[in-house]
């Protein structure tokens, strides 16, 4: 079965966005790795970073829930779609709130800011860029959920939900890279 032209355009457009965003994240990851260990003053990653395992599980689980929502919508279950996307929204919000708590601790307890040293500059830039993308994704999930709960979403819109889910999966994949670079290799 072939996809309508509008579905193809949406998919191609999303792949273009993901490609451009991948280039930006690559630059930030390379900068983080290049400057790692070059700070002449503390704090250092080993002293202040703690791997956010629970938050990572929340975010990665949200890829399953966003996918389940699209599948529910494709089967005609609009209410199921809304529930799955609201769960995705909640999991993403927990992740973002956890990031905010981590940043609060780093800034006010550990004294690490974007101006403290090279580590602070690259850490807050990279993790902040990811948090910005999570925030954009949460806005899209909120809009989709609100439209579904308001009766504006129909099963024929499943392909649009699927296109958006590509962005959310991208955000999750980027987090895997950021997690490995910052919290595993970078410590």
N, C-alpha and C. Protein backbone atom coordinates (compact mmCIF):
# COMPACT_ATOMS: atom_id res chain seq x y z
N UNK A 1 0.84 -1.17 0.00
CA UNK A 1 0.00 0.00 0.00
C UNK A 1 0.89 1.24 0.00
N UNK A 2 0.66 2.14 -0.89
CA UNK A 2 1.50 3.34 -0.99
C UNK A 2 0.98 4.43 -0.07
N UNK A 3 1.88 5.26 0.36
CA UNK A 3 1.53 6.37 1.24
C UNK A 3 1.11 7.56 0.41
N UNK A 4 0.15 8.34 0.89
CA UNK A 4 -0.21 9.57 0.18
C UNK A 4 1.00 10.52 0.14
N UNK A 5 0.99 11.40 -0.84
CA UNK A 5 2.10 12.32 -1.04
C UNK A 5 2.35 13.19 0.19
N UNK A 6 1.29 13.61 0.88
CA UNK A 6 1.48 14.45 2.07
C UNK A 6 2.21 13.68 3.17
N UNK A 7 1.92 12.38 3.30
CA UNK A 7 2.64 11.57 4.29
C UNK A 7 4.11 11.49 3.94
N UNK A 8 4.40 11.31 2.66
CA UNK A 8 5.79 11.23 2.21
C UNK A 8 6.52 12.55 2.46
N UNK A 9 5.85 13.65 2.18
CA UNK A 9 6.48 14.96 2.41
C UNK A 9 6.78 15.16 3.90
N UNK A 10 5.83 14.80 4.74
CA UNK A 10 6.04 14.94 6.18
C UNK A 10 7.21 14.10 6.66
N UNK A 11 7.29 12.88 6.17
CA UNK A 11 8.38 11.98 6.55
C UNK A 11 9.72 12.52 6.07
N UNK A 12 9.78 12.95 4.81
CA UNK A 12 11.02 13.51 4.26
C UNK A 12 11.42 14.76 5.04
N UNK A 13 10.44 15.61 5.32
CA UNK A 13 10.71 16.82 6.10
C UNK A 13 11.28 16.50 7.47
N UNK A 14 10.69 15.50 8.14
CA UNK A 14 11.18 15.13 9.46
C UNK A 14 12.58 14.54 9.38
N UNK A 15 12.85 13.75 8.35
CA UNK A 15 14.20 13.21 8.18
C UNK A 15 15.21 14.34 7.94
N UNK A 16 14.81 15.36 7.23
CA UNK A 16 15.69 16.52 7.01
C UNK A 16 15.96 17.25 8.33
N UNK A 17 14.93 17.43 9.13
CA UNK A 17 15.11 18.06 10.45
C UNK A 17 16.04 17.21 11.31
N UNK A 18 15.81 15.92 11.33
CA UNK A 18 16.63 15.02 12.13
C UNK A 18 18.08 15.04 11.64
N UNK A 19 18.28 15.09 10.34
CA UNK A 19 19.64 15.17 9.80
C UNK A 19 20.35 16.44 10.24
N UNK A 20 19.65 17.57 10.14
CA UNK A 20 20.25 18.85 10.55
C UNK A 20 20.53 18.86 12.05
N UNK A 21 19.59 18.37 12.83
CA UNK A 21 19.77 18.34 14.28
C UNK A 21 20.89 17.38 14.68
N UNK A 22 21.03 16.30 13.94
CA UNK A 22 22.11 15.35 14.21
C UNK A 22 23.47 16.01 14.02
N UNK A 23 23.58 16.86 13.00
CA UNK A 23 24.83 17.58 12.76
C UNK A 23 25.14 18.52 13.92
N UNK A 24 24.12 19.21 14.40
CA UNK A 24 24.31 20.13 15.53
C UNK A 24 24.74 19.36 16.77
N UNK A 25 24.05 18.26 17.07
CA UNK A 25 24.42 17.47 18.25
C UNK A 25 25.82 16.89 18.10
N UNK A 26 26.20 16.50 16.91
CA UNK A 26 27.55 15.96 16.68
C UNK A 26 28.60 17.00 17.05
N UNK A 27 28.38 18.24 16.65
CA UNK A 27 29.31 19.32 16.98
C UNK A 27 29.43 19.48 18.49
N UNK A 28 28.30 19.45 19.20
CA UNK A 28 28.31 19.62 20.65
C UNK A 28 28.98 18.43 21.35
N UNK A 29 28.75 17.22 20.86
CA UNK A 29 29.38 16.03 21.45
C UNK A 29 30.89 16.08 21.22
N UNK A 30 31.30 16.43 20.02
CA UNK A 30 32.74 16.51 19.73
C UNK A 30 33.39 17.58 20.61
N UNK A 31 32.73 18.72 20.77
CA UNK A 31 33.27 19.78 21.64
C UNK A 31 33.40 19.28 23.07
N UNK A 32 32.38 18.57 23.56
CA UNK A 32 32.43 18.04 24.93
C UNK A 32 33.63 17.11 25.07
N UNK A 33 33.77 16.19 24.12
CA UNK A 33 34.87 15.23 24.20
C UNK A 33 36.23 15.91 24.04
N UNK A 34 36.32 16.91 23.16
CA UNK A 34 37.57 17.61 22.93
C UNK A 34 38.04 18.34 24.19
N UNK A 35 37.12 18.98 24.89
CA UNK A 35 37.48 19.76 26.07
C UNK A 35 37.47 18.97 27.37
N UNK A 36 37.05 17.71 27.30
CA UNK A 36 37.00 16.88 28.50
C UNK A 36 38.39 16.75 29.12
N UNK A 37 38.48 17.04 30.38
CA UNK A 37 39.74 16.92 31.10
C UNK A 37 40.68 18.10 30.93
N UNK A 38 40.26 19.13 30.20
CA UNK A 38 41.13 20.28 29.96
C UNK A 38 40.84 21.45 30.88
N UNK A 39 39.89 21.28 31.78
CA UNK A 39 39.61 22.35 32.73
C UNK A 39 40.73 22.42 33.76
N UNK A 40 41.21 23.64 34.03
CA UNK A 40 42.30 23.80 34.99
C UNK A 40 41.79 23.93 36.41
N UNK A 41 40.50 24.12 36.56
CA UNK A 41 39.91 24.20 37.91
C UNK A 41 38.68 23.31 37.96
N UNK A 42 38.28 22.96 39.19
CA UNK A 42 37.11 22.09 39.38
C UNK A 42 35.83 22.87 39.40
N UNK A 43 34.75 22.22 39.57
CA UNK A 43 34.61 20.77 39.75
C UNK A 43 34.77 20.01 38.44
N UNK A 44 35.03 18.72 38.58
CA UNK A 44 35.21 17.85 37.42
C UNK A 44 34.00 16.91 37.31
N UNK A 45 33.83 16.30 36.14
CA UNK A 45 32.70 15.38 35.98
C UNK A 45 32.68 14.26 37.03
N UNK A 46 33.84 13.70 37.33
CA UNK A 46 33.90 12.60 38.29
C UNK A 46 33.43 13.02 39.68
N UNK A 47 33.58 14.30 40.00
CA UNK A 47 33.20 14.78 41.33
C UNK A 47 31.73 15.16 41.46
N UNK A 48 31.08 15.54 40.36
CA UNK A 48 29.73 16.09 40.49
C UNK A 48 28.64 15.36 39.70
N UNK A 49 29.02 14.54 38.74
CA UNK A 49 27.99 13.88 37.93
C UNK A 49 27.61 12.52 38.49
N UNK A 50 26.32 12.27 38.49
CA UNK A 50 25.76 10.98 38.90
C UNK A 50 24.85 10.53 37.77
N UNK A 51 25.06 9.34 37.27
CA UNK A 51 24.29 8.85 36.12
C UNK A 51 22.80 8.81 36.45
N UNK A 52 21.98 9.52 35.68
CA UNK A 52 20.53 9.55 35.92
C UNK A 52 19.84 8.31 35.33
N UNK A 53 20.01 7.19 35.98
CA UNK A 53 19.51 5.91 35.47
C UNK A 53 17.98 5.91 35.38
N UNK A 54 17.31 6.31 36.45
CA UNK A 54 15.84 6.28 36.47
C UNK A 54 15.28 7.23 35.41
N UNK A 55 15.87 8.41 35.31
CA UNK A 55 15.41 9.37 34.29
C UNK A 55 15.63 8.82 32.89
N UNK A 56 16.73 8.15 32.68
CA UNK A 56 17.02 7.55 31.39
C UNK A 56 16.00 6.46 31.05
N UNK A 57 15.65 5.65 32.04
CA UNK A 57 14.63 4.62 31.83
C UNK A 57 13.29 5.27 31.46
N UNK A 58 12.95 6.37 32.14
CA UNK A 58 11.71 7.08 31.82
C UNK A 58 11.73 7.56 30.37
N UNK A 59 12.81 8.20 29.97
CA UNK A 59 12.86 8.76 28.62
C UNK A 59 12.85 7.65 27.57
N UNK A 60 13.63 6.62 27.77
CA UNK A 60 13.68 5.55 26.77
C UNK A 60 12.36 4.78 26.72
N UNK A 61 11.69 4.64 27.84
CA UNK A 61 10.37 4.00 27.86
C UNK A 61 9.35 4.80 27.06
N UNK A 62 9.56 6.11 27.02
CA UNK A 62 8.61 6.97 26.30
C UNK A 62 8.61 6.71 24.80
N UNK A 63 9.68 6.12 24.27
CA UNK A 63 9.67 5.74 22.86
C UNK A 63 8.67 4.61 22.62
N UNK A 64 8.55 3.72 23.59
CA UNK A 64 7.57 2.64 23.49
C UNK A 64 6.15 3.19 23.56
N UNK A 65 5.92 4.14 24.46
CA UNK A 65 4.56 4.66 24.64
C UNK A 65 4.12 5.53 23.47
N UNK A 66 5.04 6.31 22.91
CA UNK A 66 4.65 7.13 21.75
C UNK A 66 4.31 6.22 20.57
N UNK A 67 5.06 5.14 20.42
CA UNK A 67 4.80 4.17 19.36
C UNK A 67 3.46 3.46 19.59
N UNK A 68 3.20 3.08 20.83
CA UNK A 68 1.93 2.42 21.15
C UNK A 68 0.75 3.34 20.85
N UNK A 69 0.93 4.63 21.09
CA UNK A 69 -0.14 5.58 20.79
C UNK A 69 -0.45 5.65 19.30
N UNK A 70 0.59 5.69 18.49
CA UNK A 70 0.39 5.72 17.04
C UNK A 70 -0.28 4.44 16.57
N UNK A 71 0.14 3.31 17.11
CA UNK A 71 -0.47 2.02 16.73
C UNK A 71 -1.95 2.00 17.14
N UNK A 72 -2.26 2.51 18.32
CA UNK A 72 -3.66 2.56 18.77
C UNK A 72 -4.49 3.42 17.82
N UNK A 73 -3.95 4.56 17.43
CA UNK A 73 -4.68 5.45 16.52
C UNK A 73 -4.88 4.79 15.16
N UNK A 74 -3.88 4.11 14.66
CA UNK A 74 -3.99 3.43 13.37
C UNK A 74 -5.08 2.36 13.40
N UNK A 75 -5.33 1.79 14.58
CA UNK A 75 -6.38 0.77 14.74
C UNK A 75 -7.74 1.40 15.06
N UNK A 76 -7.81 2.74 15.09
CA UNK A 76 -9.08 3.41 15.34
C UNK A 76 -9.36 3.75 16.78
N UNK A 77 -8.41 3.52 17.65
CA UNK A 77 -8.59 3.77 19.08
C UNK A 77 -8.03 5.15 19.45
N UNK A 78 -8.84 6.18 19.26
CA UNK A 78 -8.41 7.55 19.53
C UNK A 78 -8.17 7.76 21.03
N UNK A 79 -9.04 7.20 21.87
CA UNK A 79 -8.85 7.35 23.32
C UNK A 79 -7.56 6.68 23.77
N UNK A 80 -7.26 5.52 23.19
CA UNK A 80 -6.00 4.84 23.51
C UNK A 80 -4.80 5.66 23.08
N UNK A 81 -4.92 6.26 21.90
CA UNK A 81 -3.86 7.16 21.42
C UNK A 81 -3.62 8.27 22.43
N UNK A 82 -4.68 8.92 22.87
CA UNK A 82 -4.55 10.03 23.82
C UNK A 82 -3.90 9.56 25.12
N UNK A 83 -4.34 8.41 25.61
CA UNK A 83 -3.77 7.89 26.87
C UNK A 83 -2.28 7.59 26.72
N UNK A 84 -1.90 6.93 25.61
CA UNK A 84 -0.49 6.61 25.40
C UNK A 84 0.36 7.87 25.27
N UNK A 85 -0.17 8.86 24.54
CA UNK A 85 0.60 10.09 24.36
C UNK A 85 0.67 10.90 25.65
N UNK A 86 -0.37 10.85 26.47
CA UNK A 86 -0.31 11.52 27.77
C UNK A 86 0.73 10.84 28.67
N UNK A 87 0.81 9.50 28.59
CA UNK A 87 1.84 8.79 29.34
C UNK A 87 3.23 9.16 28.83
N UNK A 88 3.37 9.28 27.52
CA UNK A 88 4.65 9.71 26.93
C UNK A 88 5.00 11.11 27.44
N UNK A 89 4.02 11.98 27.45
CA UNK A 89 4.20 13.34 27.95
C UNK A 89 4.65 13.32 29.41
N UNK A 90 4.03 12.48 30.22
CA UNK A 90 4.40 12.39 31.63
C UNK A 90 5.82 11.88 31.81
N UNK A 91 6.19 10.85 31.05
CA UNK A 91 7.55 10.31 31.14
C UNK A 91 8.59 11.35 30.72
N UNK A 92 8.30 12.07 29.65
CA UNK A 92 9.20 13.14 29.22
C UNK A 92 9.29 14.26 30.23
N UNK A 93 8.16 14.58 30.84
CA UNK A 93 8.15 15.65 31.86
C UNK A 93 8.96 15.23 33.09
N UNK A 94 8.86 13.97 33.48
CA UNK A 94 9.66 13.47 34.60
C UNK A 94 11.14 13.61 34.27
N UNK A 95 11.51 13.22 33.06
CA UNK A 95 12.90 13.35 32.62
C UNK A 95 13.36 14.81 32.70
N UNK A 96 12.55 15.71 32.18
CA UNK A 96 12.92 17.13 32.15
C UNK A 96 12.99 17.71 33.57
N UNK A 97 12.06 17.33 34.41
CA UNK A 97 12.09 17.78 35.81
C UNK A 97 13.34 17.26 36.52
N UNK A 98 13.70 16.01 36.23
CA UNK A 98 14.92 15.45 36.81
C UNK A 98 16.16 16.18 36.35
N UNK A 99 16.17 16.60 35.10
CA UNK A 99 17.28 17.39 34.58
C UNK A 99 17.36 18.72 35.32
N UNK A 100 16.21 19.33 35.57
CA UNK A 100 16.18 20.60 36.30
C UNK A 100 16.70 20.42 37.72
N UNK A 101 16.33 19.33 38.36
CA UNK A 101 16.82 19.06 39.72
C UNK A 101 18.33 18.86 39.70
N UNK A 102 18.83 18.12 38.71
CA UNK A 102 20.27 17.91 38.58
C UNK A 102 20.99 19.24 38.40
N UNK A 103 20.45 20.09 37.52
CA UNK A 103 21.08 21.38 37.28
C UNK A 103 21.06 22.24 38.55
N UNK A 104 19.98 22.21 39.28
CA UNK A 104 19.91 22.98 40.53
C UNK A 104 21.01 22.54 41.48
N UNK A 105 21.19 21.23 41.62
CA UNK A 105 22.24 20.71 42.49
C UNK A 105 23.62 21.12 41.98
N UNK A 106 23.83 20.97 40.67
CA UNK A 106 25.14 21.32 40.11
C UNK A 106 25.47 22.80 40.32
N UNK A 107 24.48 23.66 40.14
CA UNK A 107 24.72 25.10 40.25
C UNK A 107 24.83 25.55 41.70
N UNK A 108 23.86 25.17 42.53
CA UNK A 108 23.78 25.73 43.89
C UNK A 108 24.49 24.92 44.96
N UNK A 109 24.73 23.64 44.71
CA UNK A 109 25.44 22.83 45.69
C UNK A 109 26.89 22.63 45.28
N UNK A 110 27.09 22.26 44.01
CA UNK A 110 28.44 21.94 43.54
C UNK A 110 29.17 23.13 42.93
N UNK A 111 28.48 24.22 42.68
CA UNK A 111 29.12 25.42 42.15
C UNK A 111 29.52 25.34 40.69
N UNK A 112 28.89 24.47 39.94
CA UNK A 112 29.20 24.34 38.51
C UNK A 112 28.19 25.14 37.70
N UNK A 113 28.69 26.10 36.95
CA UNK A 113 27.84 26.86 36.04
C UNK A 113 28.45 26.81 34.64
N UNK A 114 27.78 27.42 33.71
CA UNK A 114 28.29 27.46 32.34
C UNK A 114 29.58 28.30 32.26
N UNK A 115 29.80 29.13 33.29
CA UNK A 115 30.99 30.01 33.32
C UNK A 115 32.12 29.48 34.19
N UNK A 116 31.89 28.39 34.92
CA UNK A 116 32.88 27.89 35.88
C UNK A 116 34.17 27.43 35.21
N UNK A 117 34.02 26.57 34.23
CA UNK A 117 35.18 26.01 33.54
C UNK A 117 34.73 25.41 32.20
N UNK A 118 35.66 24.81 31.47
CA UNK A 118 35.31 24.22 30.17
C UNK A 118 34.31 23.09 30.32
N UNK A 119 34.45 22.31 31.38
CA UNK A 119 33.49 21.24 31.62
C UNK A 119 32.08 21.81 31.79
N UNK A 120 31.94 22.84 32.62
CA UNK A 120 30.63 23.46 32.82
C UNK A 120 30.05 24.00 31.53
N UNK A 121 30.89 24.65 30.75
CA UNK A 121 30.43 25.22 29.48
C UNK A 121 29.92 24.13 28.54
N UNK A 122 30.70 23.08 28.37
CA UNK A 122 30.31 22.04 27.41
C UNK A 122 29.19 21.16 27.96
N UNK A 123 29.20 20.90 29.26
CA UNK A 123 28.13 20.08 29.86
C UNK A 123 26.78 20.78 29.72
N UNK A 124 26.69 22.02 30.19
CA UNK A 124 25.40 22.72 30.14
C UNK A 124 24.95 22.98 28.71
N UNK A 125 25.90 23.18 27.81
CA UNK A 125 25.53 23.38 26.40
C UNK A 125 24.96 22.11 25.80
N UNK A 126 25.62 20.99 26.00
CA UNK A 126 25.18 19.72 25.41
C UNK A 126 23.88 19.23 26.05
N UNK A 127 23.86 19.15 27.36
CA UNK A 127 22.66 18.65 28.05
C UNK A 127 21.51 19.66 27.89
N UNK A 128 21.84 20.94 27.86
CA UNK A 128 20.82 21.96 27.65
C UNK A 128 20.21 21.88 26.26
N UNK A 129 21.03 21.61 25.26
CA UNK A 129 20.52 21.44 23.90
C UNK A 129 19.55 20.27 23.86
N UNK A 130 19.90 19.19 24.52
CA UNK A 130 18.99 18.04 24.57
C UNK A 130 17.71 18.40 25.31
N UNK A 131 17.83 19.08 26.43
CA UNK A 131 16.63 19.48 27.19
C UNK A 131 15.72 20.37 26.36
N UNK A 132 16.30 21.23 25.55
CA UNK A 132 15.50 22.08 24.66
C UNK A 132 14.71 21.22 23.67
N UNK A 133 15.33 20.19 23.15
CA UNK A 133 14.64 19.29 22.22
C UNK A 133 13.56 18.47 22.92
N UNK A 134 13.81 18.07 24.15
CA UNK A 134 12.77 17.38 24.92
C UNK A 134 11.59 18.32 25.13
N UNK A 135 11.87 19.57 25.46
CA UNK A 135 10.81 20.56 25.66
C UNK A 135 9.97 20.74 24.40
N UNK A 136 10.62 20.83 23.25
CA UNK A 136 9.89 20.94 21.98
C UNK A 136 9.04 19.70 21.74
N UNK A 137 9.59 18.54 22.04
CA UNK A 137 8.83 17.30 21.90
C UNK A 137 7.63 17.26 22.83
N UNK A 138 7.81 17.73 24.05
CA UNK A 138 6.69 17.76 25.00
C UNK A 138 5.58 18.69 24.51
N UNK A 139 5.97 19.79 23.89
CA UNK A 139 4.96 20.69 23.33
C UNK A 139 4.16 19.99 22.23
N UNK A 140 4.84 19.24 21.37
CA UNK A 140 4.16 18.49 20.32
C UNK A 140 3.25 17.41 20.88
N UNK A 141 3.73 16.71 21.91
CA UNK A 141 2.91 15.68 22.55
C UNK A 141 1.69 16.29 23.22
N UNK A 142 1.89 17.43 23.86
CA UNK A 142 0.76 18.11 24.52
C UNK A 142 -0.28 18.54 23.50
N UNK A 143 0.18 19.08 22.38
CA UNK A 143 -0.74 19.50 21.33
C UNK A 143 -1.50 18.31 20.76
N UNK A 144 -0.79 17.24 20.45
CA UNK A 144 -1.45 16.04 19.92
C UNK A 144 -2.45 15.45 20.90
N UNK A 145 -2.08 15.40 22.16
CA UNK A 145 -2.98 14.87 23.18
C UNK A 145 -4.21 15.75 23.36
N UNK A 146 -3.99 17.05 23.39
CA UNK A 146 -5.10 17.99 23.54
C UNK A 146 -6.07 17.90 22.36
N UNK A 147 -5.53 17.83 21.16
CA UNK A 147 -6.38 17.69 19.97
C UNK A 147 -7.16 16.38 20.01
N UNK A 148 -6.51 15.32 20.47
CA UNK A 148 -7.20 14.02 20.56
C UNK A 148 -8.32 14.08 21.58
N UNK A 149 -8.04 14.65 22.74
CA UNK A 149 -9.06 14.75 23.79
C UNK A 149 -10.19 15.69 23.41
N UNK A 150 -9.92 16.61 22.50
CA UNK A 150 -10.93 17.56 22.04
C UNK A 150 -11.73 17.04 20.83
N UNK A 151 -11.39 15.85 20.37
CA UNK A 151 -12.14 15.25 19.29
C UNK A 151 -11.67 15.61 17.89
N UNK A 152 -10.51 16.22 17.77
CA UNK A 152 -10.00 16.63 16.46
C UNK A 152 -9.09 15.61 15.80
N UNK A 153 -8.74 14.55 16.49
CA UNK A 153 -7.85 13.54 15.93
C UNK A 153 -8.68 12.33 15.52
N UNK A 154 -8.38 11.82 14.34
CA UNK A 154 -9.07 10.67 13.78
C UNK A 154 -8.02 9.63 13.35
N UNK A 155 -8.45 8.41 13.14
CA UNK A 155 -7.49 7.38 12.70
C UNK A 155 -6.75 7.74 11.42
N UNK A 156 -7.33 8.55 10.57
CA UNK A 156 -6.62 8.95 9.35
C UNK A 156 -5.40 9.81 9.64
N UNK A 157 -5.29 10.31 10.88
CA UNK A 157 -4.14 11.12 11.27
C UNK A 157 -2.99 10.29 11.84
N UNK A 158 -3.12 8.99 11.82
CA UNK A 158 -2.07 8.13 12.41
C UNK A 158 -0.72 8.35 11.74
N UNK A 159 -0.71 8.59 10.43
CA UNK A 159 0.58 8.79 9.76
C UNK A 159 1.25 10.07 10.24
N UNK A 160 0.46 11.08 10.59
CA UNK A 160 1.05 12.31 11.12
C UNK A 160 1.64 12.07 12.51
N UNK A 161 0.94 11.30 13.30
CA UNK A 161 1.48 10.93 14.61
C UNK A 161 2.76 10.13 14.47
N UNK A 162 2.79 9.28 13.45
CA UNK A 162 3.98 8.48 13.20
C UNK A 162 5.16 9.36 12.81
N UNK A 163 4.90 10.38 12.00
CA UNK A 163 5.97 11.31 11.61
C UNK A 163 6.50 12.04 12.85
N UNK A 164 5.60 12.51 13.71
CA UNK A 164 6.06 13.17 14.93
C UNK A 164 6.85 12.20 15.81
N UNK A 165 6.41 10.95 15.86
CA UNK A 165 7.10 9.98 16.71
C UNK A 165 8.56 9.80 16.28
N UNK A 166 8.85 10.02 15.00
CA UNK A 166 10.25 9.97 14.55
C UNK A 166 11.10 10.98 15.31
N UNK A 167 10.55 12.17 15.49
CA UNK A 167 11.28 13.20 16.25
C UNK A 167 11.52 12.73 17.68
N UNK A 168 10.48 12.16 18.31
CA UNK A 168 10.62 11.73 19.69
C UNK A 168 11.64 10.60 19.81
N UNK A 169 11.63 9.68 18.86
CA UNK A 169 12.63 8.61 18.87
C UNK A 169 14.04 9.19 18.70
N UNK A 170 14.16 10.20 17.86
CA UNK A 170 15.44 10.88 17.67
C UNK A 170 15.94 11.47 18.99
N UNK A 171 15.05 12.13 19.72
CA UNK A 171 15.41 12.72 21.02
C UNK A 171 15.90 11.63 21.96
N UNK A 172 15.27 10.47 21.93
CA UNK A 172 15.71 9.37 22.78
C UNK A 172 17.07 8.83 22.36
N UNK A 173 17.28 8.66 21.07
CA UNK A 173 18.57 8.16 20.57
C UNK A 173 19.69 9.15 20.93
N UNK A 174 19.41 10.43 20.77
CA UNK A 174 20.41 11.44 21.14
C UNK A 174 20.74 11.32 22.62
N UNK A 175 19.73 11.07 23.46
CA UNK A 175 20.00 10.93 24.89
C UNK A 175 20.94 9.76 25.16
N UNK A 176 20.78 8.66 24.45
CA UNK A 176 21.68 7.51 24.63
C UNK A 176 23.12 7.94 24.37
N UNK A 177 23.33 8.70 23.31
CA UNK A 177 24.67 9.20 22.99
C UNK A 177 25.16 10.15 24.09
N UNK A 178 24.32 11.11 24.48
CA UNK A 178 24.70 12.07 25.51
C UNK A 178 25.00 11.34 26.82
N UNK A 179 24.16 10.40 27.20
CA UNK A 179 24.36 9.64 28.42
C UNK A 179 25.70 8.92 28.39
N UNK A 180 25.98 8.23 27.29
CA UNK A 180 27.24 7.49 27.19
C UNK A 180 28.45 8.42 27.20
N UNK A 181 28.36 9.54 26.51
CA UNK A 181 29.48 10.47 26.44
C UNK A 181 29.69 11.19 27.77
N UNK A 182 28.63 11.71 28.35
CA UNK A 182 28.75 12.56 29.54
C UNK A 182 28.86 11.74 30.82
N UNK A 183 27.98 10.75 31.00
CA UNK A 183 27.89 10.06 32.29
C UNK A 183 28.69 8.76 32.36
N UNK A 184 29.10 8.23 31.22
CA UNK A 184 29.87 6.98 31.24
C UNK A 184 31.33 7.27 30.84
N UNK A 185 31.55 7.62 29.59
CA UNK A 185 32.92 7.85 29.09
C UNK A 185 33.54 9.10 29.70
N UNK A 186 32.74 10.11 29.94
CA UNK A 186 33.25 11.40 30.41
C UNK A 186 33.60 11.48 31.87
N UNK A 187 33.34 10.45 32.61
CA UNK A 187 33.65 10.50 34.06
C UNK A 187 35.01 9.92 34.30
